[in-house]
Amino acid sequence: MVDLTGLLGDLRAEGDELDELVARLPETEWARPTPAAGWTIAHQVAHLAWTDDQALLAATDGEAFKLATIEALAENMEPNEWVNQTAEEGARVPPAELLERWRSGRARLEAALAAVPDGTRLPWYGPDMTAASMATARLMETWAHATDVFDAVGIRRAPTARLRHVAHIGVRTRNWAYAAHNLDAPAEPFRIELVAPDGESWTWGPQDAAQRITGPALDFCLLVTQRVHRDDTALVAVGPDADTWLDIAQAFAGLPGDGRKPGERV
């Protein structure tokens, strides 16, 4: 059984860590560029606020969420264009107002996910999700965009045990990554063995699997969120299918991103 209360607590902590950083930045610093091309710190926070709002709508009125998505895509915008547009609109909001919007949205989303009845599936841009899966996805995205912000201001934050949630969704979205690249996913399971920040071993899949991934959990999380190029990680793939996966892995819904170029790891 998933501990939803503990998961939501980790989601809250992930948001609070970024909140603590951006809350003390001068307003002019919100215009600082981040490693995501064309996105400033304000764009990053605006995107998180918008996606939290969308997740809240999915958790409280699934039909309204589906209708809003259909209407947006009916305007013939590519999904990535839609994401960039909403981030651009949010980035124009004064930083103090944007920060408050993000804070209130996070709180409302946490309460809404806690109230979702067991077994309920929530619509999303990829496959439907349980409340626990949605919370994990929000934590993953919050961590990824926070990474961009911390990198932008030159702060290397210490990885925490919360990375396990990011790694878990990275493993669970293996087949999604293949589908996003119009490839057939391998039928056989992979073995994933990652070294956690405290030295513990995090594992997924059968011990005797022929296809294997090993390495630091931080590197794996950075890779599946496309915050680092594979060449700048210590990840090791055994087997051709595992090797291919490391080239295309993505833990987020939507089209494949451009990722990072070799040598761009902060």
C-alpha atoms as a PDB file:
ATOM      1  CA  MET A   1       0.000   0.000   0.000  1.00  0.00           C
ATOM      2  CA  VAL A   2       1.235   3.507  -0.847  1.00  0.00           C
ATOM      3  CA  ASP A   3       1.525   5.886   2.105  1.00  0.00           C
ATOM      4  CA  LEU A   4      -0.307   8.822   0.523  1.00  0.00           C
ATOM      5  CA  THR A   5       0.084  10.979   3.619  1.00  0.00           C
ATOM      6  CA  GLY A   6       3.848  10.510   3.611  1.00  0.00           C
ATOM      7  CA  LEU A   7       4.005  11.052  -0.139  1.00  0.00           C
ATOM      8  CA  LEU A   8       2.085  14.315   0.123  1.00  0.00           C
ATOM      9  CA  GLY A   9       4.415  15.387   2.917  1.00  0.00           C
ATOM     10  CA  ASP A  10       7.389  14.804   0.634  1.00  0.00           C
ATOM     11  CA  LEU A  11       5.662  16.755  -2.141  1.00  0.00           C
ATOM     12  CA  ARG A  12       5.136  19.632   0.296  1.00  0.00           C
ATOM     13  CA  ALA A  13       8.789  19.517   1.360  1.00  0.00           C
ATOM     14  CA  GLU A  14       9.940  19.584  -2.256  1.00  0.00           C
ATOM     15  CA  GLY A  15       7.875  22.682  -2.941  1.00  0.00           C
ATOM     16  CA  ASP A  16       8.984  24.342   0.291  1.00  0.00           C
ATOM     17  CA  GLU A  17      12.653  23.909  -0.614  1.00  0.00           C
ATOM     18  CA  LEU A  18      12.212  25.852  -3.847  1.00  0.00           C
ATOM     19  CA  ASP A  19       9.859  28.331  -2.173  1.00  0.00           C
ATOM     20  CA  GLU A  20      12.502  29.156   0.434  1.00  0.00           C
ATOM     21  CA  LEU A  21      14.978  29.994  -2.314  1.00  0.00           C
ATOM     22  CA  VAL A  22      12.807  32.105  -4.615  1.00  0.00           C
ATOM     23  CA  ALA A  23      11.096  33.944  -1.738  1.00  0.00           C
ATOM     24  CA  ARG A  24      14.378  35.600  -0.788  1.00  0.00           C
ATOM     25  CA  LEU A  25      15.392  36.549  -4.322  1.00  0.00           C
ATOM     26  CA  PRO A  26      15.108  40.223  -5.333  1.00  0.00           C
ATOM     27  CA  GLU A  27      12.391  40.734  -7.921  1.00  0.00           C
ATOM     28  CA  THR A  28      15.011  41.486 -10.581  1.00  0.00           C
ATOM     29  CA  GLU A  29      16.492  38.007 -10.072  1.00  0.00           C
ATOM     30  CA  TRP A  30      13.257  36.376 -11.216  1.00  0.00           C
ATOM     31  CA  ALA A  31      14.285  37.417 -14.744  1.00  0.00           C
ATOM     32  CA  ARG A  32      17.535  35.425 -14.483  1.00  0.00           C
ATOM     33  CA  PRO A  33      17.835  32.794 -17.263  1.00  0.00           C
ATOM     34  CA  THR A  34      17.806  29.129 -16.287  1.00  0.00           C
ATOM     35  CA  PRO A  35      19.333  26.152 -18.148  1.00  0.00           C
ATOM     36  CA  ALA A  36      15.966  25.625 -19.906  1.00  0.00           C
ATOM     37  CA  ALA A  37      16.285  27.615 -23.120  1.00  0.00           C
ATOM     38  CA  GLY A  38      14.130  30.753 -23.056  1.00  0.00           C
ATOM     39  CA  TRP A  39      12.926  30.198 -19.509  1.00  0.00           C
ATOM     40  CA  THR A  40      13.725  32.477 -16.592  1.00  0.00           C
ATOM     41  CA  ILE A  41      13.190  31.694 -12.917  1.00  0.00           C
ATOM     42  CA  ALA A  42       9.761  33.313 -13.279  1.00  0.00           C
ATOM     43  CA  HIS A  43       8.914  30.928 -16.134  1.00  0.00           C
ATOM     44  CA  GLN A  44       9.867  27.956 -13.975  1.00  0.00           C
ATOM     45  CA  VAL A  45       7.649  29.009 -11.070  1.00  0.00           C
ATOM     46  CA  ALA A  46       4.841  29.977 -13.425  1.00  0.00           C
ATOM     47  CA  HIS A  47       4.951  26.550 -15.041  1.00  0.00           C
ATOM     48  CA  LEU A  48       4.761  24.813 -11.679  1.00  0.00           C
ATOM     49  CA  ALA A  49       1.837  27.012 -10.652  1.00  0.00           C
ATOM     50  CA  TRP A  50       0.009  26.263 -13.894  1.00  0.00           C
ATOM     51  CA  THR A  51       0.583  22.512 -13.794  1.00  0.00           C
ATOM     52  CA  ASP A  52      -0.468  22.394 -10.144  1.00  0.00           C
ATOM     53  CA  ASP A  53      -3.672  24.175 -11.161  1.00  0.00           C
ATOM     54  CA  GLN A  54      -4.243  21.639 -13.923  1.00  0.00           C
ATOM     55  CA  ALA A  55      -3.633  18.755 -11.513  1.00  0.00           C
ATOM     56  CA  LEU A  56      -6.095  20.337  -9.075  1.00  0.00           C
ATOM     57  CA  LEU A  57      -8.737  20.507 -11.797  1.00  0.00           C
ATOM     58  CA  ALA A  58      -8.073  16.868 -12.728  1.00  0.00           C
ATOM     59  CA  ALA A  59      -8.458  15.851  -9.076  1.00  0.00           C
ATOM     60  CA  THR A  60     -11.661  17.799  -8.473  1.00  0.00           C
ATOM     61  CA  ASP A  61     -13.468  17.829 -11.837  1.00  0.00           C
ATOM     62  CA  GLY A  62     -12.097  15.320 -14.309  1.00  0.00           C
ATOM     63  CA  GLU A  63     -14.626  16.146 -17.008  1.00  0.00           C
ATOM     64  CA  ALA A  64     -13.783  19.846 -16.843  1.00  0.00           C
ATOM     65  CA  PHE A  65     -10.100  18.980 -17.127  1.00  0.00           C
ATOM     66  CA  LYS A  66     -10.716  16.872 -20.241  1.00  0.00           C
ATOM     67  CA  LEU A  67     -12.835  19.617 -21.818  1.00  0.00           C
ATOM     68  CA  ALA A  68     -10.234  22.314 -21.086  1.00  0.00           C
ATOM     69  CA  THR A  69      -7.521  20.156 -22.643  1.00  0.00           C
ATOM     70  CA  ILE A  70      -9.582  19.484 -25.762  1.00  0.00           C
ATOM     71  CA  GLU A  71     -10.380  23.183 -26.157  1.00  0.00           C
ATOM     72  CA  ALA A  72      -6.739  24.199 -25.786  1.00  0.00           C
ATOM     73  CA  LEU A  73      -5.498  21.678 -28.320  1.00  0.00           C
ATOM     74  CA  ALA A  74      -8.338  22.583 -30.691  1.00  0.00           C
ATOM     75  CA  GLU A  75      -6.540  25.893 -31.202  1.00  0.00           C
ATOM     76  CA  ASN A  76      -3.987  23.880 -33.209  1.00  0.00           C
ATOM     77  CA  MET A  77      -1.187  24.495 -30.749  1.00  0.00           C
ATOM     78  CA  GLU A  78       1.476  21.878 -30.305  1.00  0.00           C
ATOM     79  CA  PRO A  79       1.622  20.647 -26.696  1.00  0.00           C
ATOM     80  CA  ASN A  80       5.076  22.172 -26.171  1.00  0.00           C
ATOM     81  CA  GLU A  81       3.845  25.465 -27.597  1.00  0.00           C
ATOM     82  CA  TRP A  82       0.951  25.412 -25.136  1.00  0.00           C
ATOM     83  CA  VAL A  83       3.332  24.798 -22.236  1.00  0.00           C
ATOM     84  CA  ASN A  84       5.620  27.633 -23.326  1.00  0.00           C
ATOM     85  CA  GLN A  85       2.686  29.992 -23.786  1.00  0.00           C
ATOM     86  CA  THR A  86       1.284  29.386 -20.306  1.00  0.00           C
ATOM     87  CA  ALA A  87       4.742  29.794 -18.777  1.00  0.00           C
ATOM     88  CA  GLU A  88       5.249  33.057 -20.673  1.00  0.00           C
ATOM     89  CA  GLU A  89       1.884  34.384 -19.487  1.00  0.00           C
ATOM     90  CA  GLY A  90       2.628  33.461 -15.898  1.00  0.00           C
ATOM     91  CA  ALA A  91       6.111  34.964 -16.015  1.00  0.00           C
ATOM     92  CA  ARG A  92       4.578  38.392 -16.732  1.00  0.00           C
ATOM     93  CA  VAL A  93       2.851  38.361 -13.334  1.00  0.00           C
ATOM     94  CA  PRO A  94       4.703  40.309 -10.598  1.00  0.00           C
ATOM     95  CA  PRO A  95       6.914  37.886  -8.628  1.00  0.00           C
ATOM     96  CA  ALA A  96       5.154  38.378  -5.282  1.00  0.00           C
ATOM     97  CA  GLU A  97       1.776  37.675  -6.883  1.00  0.00           C
ATOM     98  CA  LEU A  98       3.107  34.678  -8.794  1.00  0.00           C
ATOM     99  CA  LEU A  99       4.691  33.237  -5.651  1.00  0.00           C
ATOM    100  CA  GLU A 100       1.433  33.552  -3.730  1.00  0.00           C
ATOM    101  CA  ARG A 101      -0.472  31.924  -6.576  1.00  0.00           C
ATOM    102  CA  TRP A 102       1.935  28.996  -6.569  1.00  0.00           C
ATOM    103  CA  ARG A 103       1.764  28.659  -2.775  1.00  0.00           C
ATOM    104  CA  SER A 104      -2.026  28.642  -2.617  1.00  0.00           C
ATOM    105  CA  GLY A 105      -2.253  26.232  -5.543  1.00  0.00           C
ATOM    106  CA  ARG A 106       0.137  23.775  -3.883  1.00  0.00           C
ATOM    107  CA  ALA A 107      -1.890  23.824  -0.686  1.00  0.00           C
ATOM    108  CA  ARG A 108      -5.197  23.294  -2.496  1.00  0.00           C
ATOM    109  CA  LEU A 109      -3.760  20.478  -4.591  1.00  0.00           C
ATOM    110  CA  GLU A 110      -2.415  18.676  -1.529  1.00  0.00           C
ATOM    111  CA  ALA A 111      -5.828  18.845   0.153  1.00  0.00           C
ATOM    112  CA  ALA A 112      -7.596  17.697  -3.014  1.00  0.00           C
ATOM    113  CA  LEU A 113      -5.304  14.693  -3.531  1.00  0.00           C
ATOM    114  CA  ALA A 114      -5.713  13.683   0.107  1.00  0.00           C
ATOM    115  CA  ALA A 115      -9.487  13.617  -0.421  1.00  0.00           C
ATOM    116  CA  VAL A 116      -9.499  11.500  -3.602  1.00  0.00           C
ATOM    117  CA  PRO A 117     -11.354   8.218  -2.900  1.00  0.00           C
ATOM    118  CA  ASP A 118      -9.278   5.037  -3.088  1.00  0.00           C
ATOM    119  CA  GLY A 119      -9.287   3.491  -6.540  1.00  0.00           C
ATOM    120  CA  THR A 120     -10.211   6.715  -8.349  1.00  0.00           C
ATOM    121  CA  ARG A 121      -8.345   7.370 -11.593  1.00  0.00           C
ATOM    122  CA  LEU A 122      -7.529  10.971 -12.428  1.00  0.00           C
ATOM    123  CA  PRO A 123      -7.188  12.129 -16.043  1.00  0.00           C
ATOM    124  CA  TRP A 124      -3.866  13.569 -17.176  1.00  0.00           C
ATOM    125  CA  TYR A 125      -1.957  14.345 -20.358  1.00  0.00           C
ATOM    126  CA  GLY A 126      -0.523  10.841 -20.394  1.00  0.00           C
ATOM    127  CA  PRO A 127      -2.206   7.797 -18.820  1.00  0.00           C
ATOM    128  CA  ASP A 128      -4.811   8.295 -16.083  1.00  0.00           C
ATOM    129  CA  MET A 129      -3.369   8.314 -12.568  1.00  0.00           C
ATOM    130  CA  THR A 130      -4.216   7.446  -8.992  1.00  0.00           C
ATOM    131  CA  ALA A 131      -3.886  10.202  -6.398  1.00  0.00           C
ATOM    132  CA  ALA A 132      -0.551   8.687  -5.343  1.00  0.00           C
ATOM    133  CA  SER A 133       0.718   8.632  -8.923  1.00  0.00           C
ATOM    134  CA  MET A 134      -0.354  12.238  -9.413  1.00  0.00           C
ATOM    135  CA  ALA A 135       1.439  13.280  -6.226  1.00  0.00           C
ATOM    136  CA  THR A 136       4.558  11.452  -7.383  1.00  0.00           C
ATOM    137  CA  ALA A 137       4.380  13.142 -10.788  1.00  0.00           C
ATOM    138  CA  ARG A 138       4.000  16.558  -9.172  1.00  0.00           C
ATOM    139  CA  LEU A 139       6.973  15.856  -6.902  1.00  0.00           C
ATOM    140  CA  MET A 140       9.054  14.779  -9.896  1.00  0.00           C
ATOM    141  CA  GLU A 141       8.214  17.912 -11.835  1.00  0.00           C
ATOM    142  CA  THR A 142       8.722  20.194  -8.838  1.00  0.00           C
ATOM    143  CA  TRP A 143      12.150  18.657  -8.239  1.00  0.00           C
ATOM    144  CA  ALA A 144      13.125  18.962 -11.899  1.00  0.00           C
ATOM    145  CA  HIS A 145      12.156  22.620 -12.254  1.00  0.00           C
ATOM    146  CA  ALA A 146      13.663  23.424  -8.874  1.00  0.00           C
ATOM    147  CA  THR A 147      16.896  21.928 -10.192  1.00  0.00           C
ATOM    148  CA  ASP A 148      16.832  24.453 -13.035  1.00  0.00           C
ATOM    149  CA  VAL A 149      16.329  27.327 -10.582  1.00  0.00           C
ATOM    150  CA  PHE A 150      19.048  26.198  -8.181  1.00  0.00           C
ATOM    151  CA  ASP A 151      21.414  25.742 -11.114  1.00  0.00           C
ATOM    152  CA  ALA A 152      20.572  29.230 -12.372  1.00  0.00           C
ATOM    153  CA  VAL A 153      21.632  30.866  -9.100  1.00  0.00           C
ATOM    154  CA  GLY A 154      24.682  28.648  -8.701  1.00  0.00           C
ATOM    155  CA  ILE A 155      23.568  26.659  -5.659  1.00  0.00           C
ATOM    156  CA  ARG A 156      24.222  22.921  -5.543  1.00  0.00           C
ATOM    157  CA  ARG A 157      21.571  21.459  -3.256  1.00  0.00           C
ATOM    158  CA  ALA A 158      22.099  18.247  -1.365  1.00  0.00           C
ATOM    159  CA  PRO A 159      20.047  15.320  -2.743  1.00  0.00           C
ATOM    160  CA  THR A 160      17.556  13.801  -0.318  1.00  0.00           C
ATOM    161  CA  ALA A 161      15.678  10.533   0.123  1.00  0.00           C
ATOM    162  CA  ARG A 162      12.802  12.174  -1.778  1.00  0.00           C
ATOM    163  CA  LEU A 163      14.719  11.286  -4.932  1.00  0.00           C
ATOM    164  CA  ARG A 164      13.315   7.796  -4.565  1.00  0.00           C
ATOM    165  CA  HIS A 165       9.938   9.084  -5.778  1.00  0.00           C
ATOM    166  CA  VAL A 166      11.567  10.650  -8.841  1.00  0.00           C
ATOM    167  CA  ALA A 167      13.497   7.475  -9.571  1.00  0.00           C
ATOM    168  CA  HIS A 168      10.351   5.391  -9.130  1.00  0.00           C
ATOM    169  CA  ILE A 169       8.360   7.362 -11.689  1.00  0.00           C
ATOM    170  CA  GLY A 170      11.396   7.255 -13.983  1.00  0.00           C
ATOM    171  CA  VAL A 171      11.325   3.463 -13.830  1.00  0.00           C
ATOM    172  CA  ARG A 172       7.550   3.234 -14.157  1.00  0.00           C
ATOM    173  CA  THR A 173       7.512   5.426 -17.285  1.00  0.00           C
ATOM    174  CA  ARG A 174       9.940   3.215 -19.221  1.00  0.00           C
ATOM    175  CA  ASN A 175       7.296   2.124 -21.728  1.00  0.00           C
ATOM    176  CA  TRP A 176       5.952   5.679 -21.997  1.00  0.00           C
ATOM    177  CA  ALA A 177       9.388   6.863 -23.122  1.00  0.00           C
ATOM    178  CA  TYR A 178       9.387   4.295 -25.923  1.00  0.00           C
ATOM    179  CA  ALA A 179       5.878   5.305 -26.982  1.00  0.00           C
ATOM    180  CA  ALA A 180       6.859   8.992 -27.011  1.00  0.00           C
ATOM    181  CA  HIS A 181       9.545   8.095 -29.552  1.00  0.00           C
ATOM    182  CA  ASN A 182       7.210   5.867 -31.593  1.00  0.00           C
ATOM    183  CA  LEU A 183       9.121   2.750 -30.566  1.00  0.00           C
ATOM    184  CA  ASP A 184       7.888  -0.592 -29.296  1.00  0.00           C
ATOM    185  CA  ALA A 185       8.810  -1.170 -25.677  1.00  0.00           C
ATOM    186  CA  PRO A 186      10.721  -4.364 -24.847  1.00  0.00           C
ATOM    187  CA  ALA A 187       8.587  -7.128 -23.396  1.00  0.00           C
ATOM    188  CA  GLU A 188      11.106  -8.212 -20.801  1.00  0.00           C
ATOM    189  CA  PRO A 189      11.543  -6.342 -17.505  1.00  0.00           C
ATOM    190  CA  PHE A 190      14.727  -4.461 -16.632  1.00  0.00           C
ATOM    191  CA  ARG A 191      16.725  -4.571 -13.407  1.00  0.00           C
ATOM    192  CA  ILE A 192      17.446  -1.100 -11.984  1.00  0.00           C
ATOM    193  CA  GLU A 193      19.990  -0.752  -9.179  1.00  0.00           C
ATOM    194  CA  LEU A 194      20.641   2.777  -7.930  1.00  0.00           C
ATOM    195  CA  VAL A 195      22.806   4.127  -5.139  1.00  0.00           C
ATOM    196  CA  ALA A 196      20.779   6.472  -2.926  1.00  0.00           C
ATOM    197  CA  PRO A 197      22.223   9.684  -1.441  1.00  0.00           C
ATOM    198  CA  ASP A 198      22.839   7.891   1.870  1.00  0.00           C
ATOM    199  CA  GLY A 199      24.514   4.912   0.175  1.00  0.00           C
ATOM    200  CA  GLU A 200      21.468   2.645   0.384  1.00  0.00           C
ATOM    201  CA  SER A 201      20.572   0.535  -2.659  1.00  0.00           C
ATOM    202  CA  TRP A 202      17.271   1.200  -4.419  1.00  0.00           C
ATOM    203  CA  THR A 203      16.190  -1.575  -6.763  1.00  0.00           C
ATOM    204  CA  TRP A 204      13.417  -2.379  -9.212  1.00  0.00           C
ATOM    205  CA  GLY A 205      12.844  -5.444 -11.381  1.00  0.00           C
ATOM    206  CA  PRO A 206      13.949  -9.092 -11.159  1.00  0.00           C
ATOM    207  CA  GLN A 207      17.495  -9.805 -10.006  1.00  0.00           C
ATOM    208  CA  ASP A 208      18.172 -12.099 -12.965  1.00  0.00           C
ATOM    209  CA  ALA A 209      17.052  -9.656 -15.680  1.00  0.00           C
ATOM    210  CA  ALA A 210      19.446  -9.527 -18.628  1.00  0.00           C
ATOM    211  CA  GLN A 211      18.835  -5.818 -19.227  1.00  0.00           C
ATOM    212  CA  ARG A 212      20.252  -3.738 -16.364  1.00  0.00           C
ATOM    213  CA  ILE A 213      20.875  -0.148 -15.310  1.00  0.00           C
ATOM    214  CA  THR A 214      23.208   0.730 -12.435  1.00  0.00           C
ATOM    215  CA  GLY A 215      24.592   3.975 -11.033  1.00  0.00           C
ATOM    216  CA  PRO A 216      23.868   6.923  -8.744  1.00  0.00           C
ATOM    217  CA  ALA A 217      20.201   7.679  -8.070  1.00  0.00           C
ATOM    218  CA  LEU A 218      20.848  11.392  -8.583  1.00  0.00           C
ATOM    219  CA  ASP A 219      22.241  10.785 -12.056  1.00  0.00           C
ATOM    220  CA  PHE A 220      19.272   8.605 -12.975  1.00  0.00           C
ATOM    221  CA  CYS A 221      16.798  11.231 -11.762  1.00  0.00           C
ATOM    222  CA  LEU A 222      18.578  13.989 -13.653  1.00  0.00           C
ATOM    223  CA  LEU A 223      18.555  11.848 -16.797  1.00  0.00           C
ATOM    224  CA  VAL A 224      14.874  10.833 -16.734  1.00  0.00           C
ATOM    225  CA  THR A 225      13.884  14.471 -16.187  1.00  0.00           C
ATOM    226  CA  GLN A 226      16.287  15.464 -18.995  1.00  0.00           C
ATOM    227  CA  ARG A 227      18.378  17.729 -16.770  1.00  0.00           C
ATOM    228  CA  VAL A 228      21.640  16.101 -17.819  1.00  0.00           C
ATOM    229  CA  HIS A 229      23.073  14.427 -20.890  1.00  0.00           C
ATOM    230  CA  ARG A 230      23.707  10.735 -20.542  1.00  0.00           C
ATOM    231  CA  ASP A 231      27.430  11.255 -21.221  1.00  0.00           C
ATOM    232  CA  ASP A 232      27.680  13.349 -18.048  1.00  0.00           C
ATOM    233  CA  THR A 233      26.368  10.602 -15.773  1.00  0.00           C
ATOM    234  CA  ALA A 234      27.919   7.556 -14.154  1.00  0.00           C
ATOM    235  CA  LEU A 235      25.039   5.338 -15.253  1.00  0.00           C
ATOM    236  CA  VAL A 236      25.905   1.983 -16.780  1.00  0.00           C
ATOM    237  CA  ALA A 237      23.627   0.015 -19.115  1.00  0.00           C
ATOM    238  CA  VAL A 238      23.989  -3.728 -19.666  1.00  0.00           C
ATOM    239  CA  GLY A 239      22.117  -5.027 -22.707  1.00  0.00           C
ATOM    240  CA  PRO A 240      21.071  -3.271 -25.927  1.00  0.00           C
ATOM    241  CA  ASP A 241      17.526  -2.497 -24.779  1.00  0.00           C
ATOM    242  CA  ALA A 242      18.722  -0.919 -21.551  1.00  0.00           C
ATOM    243  CA  ASP A 243      21.253   1.064 -23.550  1.00  0.00           C
ATOM    244  CA  THR A 244      18.534   2.397 -25.836  1.00  0.00           C
ATOM    245  CA  TRP A 245      16.346   3.345 -22.895  1.00  0.00           C
ATOM    246  CA  LEU A 246      19.012   5.585 -21.391  1.00  0.00           C
ATOM    247  CA  ASP A 247      19.051   7.526 -24.658  1.00  0.00           C
ATOM    248  CA  ILE A 248      15.284   8.192 -24.651  1.00  0.00           C
ATOM    249  CA  ALA A 249      14.207   8.068 -20.995  1.00  0.00           C
ATOM    250  CA  GLN A 250      11.679  10.673 -19.893  1.00  0.00           C
ATOM    251  CA  ALA A 251       9.582  10.665 -16.750  1.00  0.00           C
ATOM    252  CA  PHE A 252       7.186  13.391 -17.895  1.00  0.00           C
ATOM    253  CA  ALA A 253       4.118  13.378 -20.117  1.00  0.00           C
ATOM    254  CA  GLY A 254       4.225  15.051 -23.501  1.00  0.00           C
ATOM    255  CA  LEU A 255       6.589  15.154 -26.429  1.00  0.00           C
ATOM    256  CA  PRO A 256      10.262  14.280 -25.989  1.00  0.00           C
ATOM    257  CA  GLY A 257      12.280  17.288 -24.947  1.00  0.00           C
ATOM    258  CA  ASP A 258      15.606  18.466 -26.337  1.00  0.00           C
ATOM    259  CA  GLY A 259      17.372  17.539 -23.117  1.00  0.00           C
ATOM    260  CA  ARG A 260      20.863  18.834 -22.372  1.00  0.00           C
ATOM    261  CA  LYS A 261      24.019  18.781 -24.446  1.00  0.00           C
ATOM    262  CA  PRO A 262      27.173  16.974 -23.253  1.00  0.00           C
ATOM    263  CA  GLY A 263      29.197  19.068 -20.835  1.00  0.00           C
ATOM    264  CA  GLU A 264      26.254  21.172 -19.619  1.00  0.00           C
ATOM    265  CA  ARG A 265      25.951  19.499 -16.229  1.00  0.00           C
ATOM    266  CA  VAL A 266      26.217  22.138 -13.506  1.00  0.00           C
END
